[in-house]
Amino acid sequence: MKKLETMSCRRRLGLLLDYLDKELPAPQRKLLARHRASCRSCASLLKTVEHTVKTLKALKQASPPPASARRALAAALRLL
């Protein structure tokens, strides 16, 4: 793998999920965190990915809607 210090932002994007999951080795985490602090584009993207991951985890834990709501939605969709 190419050294993190010399990677383009595009190549670093592949490491974002590992970074968020804390699966990157400590030295790479530090370099990515430093880059995040200095690159507005990567910082914004990482913030969006963090929000998306949190939202998906919350949805996974949410209880399903009641059967009556599912039937009403199905009926409404059939009218379209």
N, C-alpha and C. Protein backbone atom coordinates (compact mmCIF):
# COMPACT_ATOMS: atom_id res chain seq x y z
N MET A 1 0.85 -1.19 0.00
CA MET A 1 0.00 0.00 0.00
C MET A 1 0.88 1.24 0.00
N LYS A 2 0.45 2.23 -0.73
CA LYS A 2 1.16 3.50 -0.79
C LYS A 2 1.15 4.15 0.59
N LYS A 3 2.22 4.87 0.90
CA LYS A 3 2.29 5.54 2.21
C LYS A 3 1.18 6.58 2.33
N LEU A 4 0.59 6.63 3.48
CA LEU A 4 -0.52 7.55 3.72
C LEU A 4 -0.12 9.01 3.50
N GLU A 5 1.11 9.35 3.86
CA GLU A 5 1.55 10.74 3.74
C GLU A 5 1.52 11.23 2.30
N THR A 6 1.72 10.32 1.34
CA THR A 6 1.81 10.72 -0.06
C THR A 6 0.55 10.40 -0.86
N MET A 7 -0.48 9.90 -0.19
CA MET A 7 -1.73 9.56 -0.89
C MET A 7 -2.51 10.82 -1.22
N SER A 8 -3.22 10.74 -2.33
CA SER A 8 -4.14 11.82 -2.67
C SER A 8 -5.38 11.71 -1.79
N CYS A 9 -6.15 12.77 -1.76
CA CYS A 9 -7.39 12.74 -0.97
C CYS A 9 -8.28 11.60 -1.45
N ARG A 10 -8.36 11.41 -2.74
CA ARG A 10 -9.21 10.36 -3.30
C ARG A 10 -8.80 8.99 -2.77
N ARG A 11 -7.53 8.73 -2.70
CA ARG A 11 -7.05 7.44 -2.19
C ARG A 11 -7.31 7.31 -0.68
N ARG A 12 -7.25 8.41 0.03
CA ARG A 12 -7.48 8.38 1.48
C ARG A 12 -8.93 8.04 1.81
N LEU A 13 -9.83 8.36 0.88
CA LEU A 13 -11.24 8.10 1.13
C LEU A 13 -11.51 6.64 1.42
N GLY A 14 -10.75 5.77 0.81
CA GLY A 14 -10.92 4.35 1.05
C GLY A 14 -10.60 3.94 2.47
N LEU A 15 -9.88 4.78 3.18
CA LEU A 15 -9.51 4.49 4.56
C LEU A 15 -10.50 5.06 5.59
N LEU A 16 -11.45 5.87 5.13
CA LEU A 16 -12.34 6.56 6.05
C LEU A 16 -13.14 5.61 6.95
N LEU A 17 -13.69 4.57 6.37
CA LEU A 17 -14.49 3.66 7.20
C LEU A 17 -13.61 2.94 8.22
N ASP A 18 -12.41 2.55 7.80
CA ASP A 18 -11.49 1.94 8.76
C ASP A 18 -11.13 2.94 9.86
N TYR A 19 -10.99 4.20 9.47
CA TYR A 19 -10.68 5.26 10.45
C TYR A 19 -11.83 5.40 11.45
N LEU A 20 -13.06 5.45 10.93
CA LEU A 20 -14.23 5.60 11.80
C LEU A 20 -14.42 4.39 12.71
N ASP A 21 -14.11 3.21 12.19
CA ASP A 21 -14.25 1.98 12.98
C ASP A 21 -13.05 1.73 13.89
N LYS A 22 -12.09 2.65 13.85
CA LYS A 22 -10.87 2.54 14.66
C LYS A 22 -10.10 1.25 14.35
N GLU A 23 -10.09 0.89 13.06
CA GLU A 23 -9.38 -0.30 12.61
C GLU A 23 -8.03 0.02 11.97
N LEU A 24 -7.72 1.30 11.82
CA LEU A 24 -6.42 1.68 11.28
C LEU A 24 -5.38 1.62 12.39
N PRO A 25 -4.16 1.25 12.06
CA PRO A 25 -3.09 1.30 13.06
C PRO A 25 -2.91 2.75 13.55
N ALA A 26 -2.48 2.90 14.78
CA ALA A 26 -2.35 4.23 15.41
C ALA A 26 -1.58 5.24 14.56
N PRO A 27 -0.44 4.88 13.97
CA PRO A 27 0.27 5.88 13.16
C PRO A 27 -0.56 6.38 11.97
N GLN A 28 -1.28 5.49 11.31
CA GLN A 28 -2.13 5.91 10.18
C GLN A 28 -3.31 6.74 10.67
N ARG A 29 -3.87 6.40 11.83
CA ARG A 29 -4.97 7.19 12.39
C ARG A 29 -4.52 8.62 12.65
N LYS A 30 -3.31 8.76 13.21
CA LYS A 30 -2.79 10.10 13.51
C LYS A 30 -2.59 10.90 12.23
N LEU A 31 -2.04 10.26 11.20
CA LEU A 31 -1.82 10.96 9.93
C LEU A 31 -3.14 11.36 9.28
N LEU A 32 -4.12 10.48 9.32
CA LEU A 32 -5.42 10.80 8.74
C LEU A 32 -6.12 11.90 9.54
N ALA A 33 -5.99 11.87 10.86
CA ALA A 33 -6.57 12.92 11.69
C ALA A 33 -5.91 14.26 11.40
N ARG A 34 -4.61 14.25 11.21
CA ARG A 34 -3.88 15.49 10.88
C ARG A 34 -4.33 16.02 9.52
N HIS A 35 -4.47 15.11 8.56
CA HIS A 35 -4.93 15.53 7.23
C HIS A 35 -6.34 16.09 7.32
N ARG A 36 -7.19 15.42 8.08
CA ARG A 36 -8.57 15.88 8.26
C ARG A 36 -8.59 17.32 8.81
N ALA A 37 -7.68 17.62 9.70
CA ALA A 37 -7.64 18.95 10.29
C ALA A 37 -7.19 20.01 9.30
N SER A 38 -6.46 19.60 8.28
CA SER A 38 -5.91 20.58 7.33
C SER A 38 -6.63 20.60 5.98
N CYS A 39 -7.51 19.65 5.74
CA CYS A 39 -8.19 19.55 4.44
C CYS A 39 -9.69 19.70 4.65
N ARG A 40 -10.20 20.83 4.26
CA ARG A 40 -11.62 21.13 4.45
C ARG A 40 -12.52 20.11 3.74
N SER A 41 -12.15 19.72 2.55
CA SER A 41 -12.94 18.78 1.77
C SER A 41 -13.03 17.42 2.47
N CYS A 42 -11.91 16.88 2.90
CA CYS A 42 -11.91 15.58 3.59
C CYS A 42 -12.62 15.68 4.94
N ALA A 43 -12.46 16.79 5.63
CA ALA A 43 -13.13 16.96 6.92
C ALA A 43 -14.65 16.96 6.74
N SER A 44 -15.11 17.64 5.71
CA SER A 44 -16.54 17.70 5.43
C SER A 44 -17.08 16.33 5.05
N LEU A 45 -16.36 15.63 4.21
CA LEU A 45 -16.79 14.30 3.80
C LEU A 45 -16.81 13.35 4.99
N LEU A 46 -15.79 13.41 5.82
CA LEU A 46 -15.74 12.52 6.98
C LEU A 46 -16.89 12.82 7.94
N LYS A 47 -17.22 14.08 8.11
CA LYS A 47 -18.35 14.45 8.97
C LYS A 47 -19.66 13.88 8.42
N THR A 48 -19.82 13.93 7.10
CA THR A 48 -21.01 13.37 6.46
C THR A 48 -21.08 11.86 6.65
N VAL A 49 -19.95 11.19 6.46
CA VAL A 49 -19.90 9.74 6.62
C VAL A 49 -20.19 9.37 8.08
N GLU A 50 -19.63 10.11 9.03
CA GLU A 50 -19.89 9.85 10.45
C GLU A 50 -21.38 9.97 10.75
N HIS A 51 -22.00 11.02 10.23
CA HIS A 51 -23.43 11.23 10.45
C HIS A 51 -24.25 10.09 9.84
N THR A 52 -23.88 9.68 8.64
CA THR A 52 -24.59 8.59 7.95
C THR A 52 -24.48 7.29 8.74
N VAL A 53 -23.29 6.97 9.21
CA VAL A 53 -23.08 5.74 9.98
C VAL A 53 -23.91 5.78 11.27
N LYS A 54 -23.90 6.91 11.97
CA LYS A 54 -24.69 7.03 13.20
C LYS A 54 -26.18 6.86 12.93
N THR A 55 -26.65 7.46 11.84
CA THR A 55 -28.06 7.37 11.48
C THR A 55 -28.44 5.93 11.15
N LEU A 56 -27.60 5.25 10.38
CA LEU A 56 -27.89 3.86 10.03
C LEU A 56 -27.89 2.96 11.26
N LYS A 57 -26.97 3.20 12.19
CA LYS A 57 -26.95 2.41 13.42
C LYS A 57 -28.21 2.65 14.24
N ALA A 58 -28.67 3.90 14.28
CA ALA A 58 -29.89 4.22 15.02
C ALA A 58 -31.10 3.56 14.38
N LEU A 59 -31.15 3.54 13.06
CA LEU A 59 -32.27 2.89 12.36
C LEU A 59 -32.29 1.39 12.63
N LYS A 60 -31.10 0.81 12.72
CA LYS A 60 -31.00 -0.63 12.97
C LYS A 60 -31.59 -0.97 14.34
N GLN A 61 -31.46 -0.05 15.29
CA GLN A 61 -31.93 -0.29 16.65
C GLN A 61 -33.40 0.10 16.83
N ALA A 62 -33.95 0.84 15.88
CA ALA A 62 -35.34 1.30 16.01
C ALA A 62 -36.29 0.12 15.81
N SER A 63 -37.42 0.19 16.47
CA SER A 63 -38.42 -0.87 16.31
C SER A 63 -39.17 -0.64 15.00
N PRO A 64 -39.63 -1.71 14.39
CA PRO A 64 -40.35 -1.57 13.12
C PRO A 64 -41.69 -0.87 13.33
N PRO A 65 -42.19 -0.23 12.29
CA PRO A 65 -43.49 0.44 12.43
C PRO A 65 -44.60 -0.59 12.63
N PRO A 66 -45.69 -0.17 13.23
CA PRO A 66 -46.80 -1.11 13.45
C PRO A 66 -47.37 -1.59 12.11
N ALA A 67 -47.99 -2.75 12.14
CA ALA A 67 -48.56 -3.34 10.93
C ALA A 67 -49.56 -2.40 10.28
N SER A 68 -50.33 -1.67 11.08
CA SER A 68 -51.34 -0.76 10.51
C SER A 68 -50.67 0.34 9.68
N ALA A 69 -49.54 0.83 10.13
CA ALA A 69 -48.82 1.86 9.38
C ALA A 69 -48.26 1.28 8.07
N ARG A 70 -47.76 0.06 8.12
CA ARG A 70 -47.24 -0.58 6.90
C ARG A 70 -48.37 -0.80 5.89
N ARG A 71 -49.55 -1.21 6.37
CA ARG A 71 -50.70 -1.42 5.47
C ARG A 71 -51.14 -0.09 4.86
N ALA A 72 -51.19 0.96 5.66
CA ALA A 72 -51.60 2.27 5.16
C ALA A 72 -50.61 2.79 4.11
N LEU A 73 -49.35 2.58 4.35
CA LEU A 73 -48.34 3.01 3.38
C LEU A 73 -48.47 2.21 2.09
N ALA A 74 -48.65 0.90 2.21
CA ALA A 74 -48.80 0.07 1.02
C ALA A 74 -50.03 0.50 0.20
N ALA A 75 -51.12 0.81 0.90
CA ALA A 75 -52.33 1.25 0.21
C ALA A 75 -52.11 2.58 -0.49
N ALA A 76 -51.43 3.48 0.17
CA ALA A 76 -51.15 4.80 -0.42
C ALA A 76 -50.25 4.66 -1.66
N LEU A 77 -49.30 3.76 -1.60
CA LEU A 77 -48.40 3.57 -2.74
C LEU A 77 -49.13 2.94 -3.94
N ARG A 78 -50.11 2.11 -3.65
CA ARG A 78 -50.88 1.50 -4.76
C ARG A 78 -51.69 2.56 -5.51
N LEU A 79 -52.04 3.64 -4.83
CA LEU A 79 -52.83 4.71 -5.47
C LEU A 79 -51.99 5.56 -6.42
N LEU A 80 -50.70 5.49 -6.30
CA LEU A 80 -49.83 6.32 -7.15
C LEU A 80 -49.78 5.84 -8.55
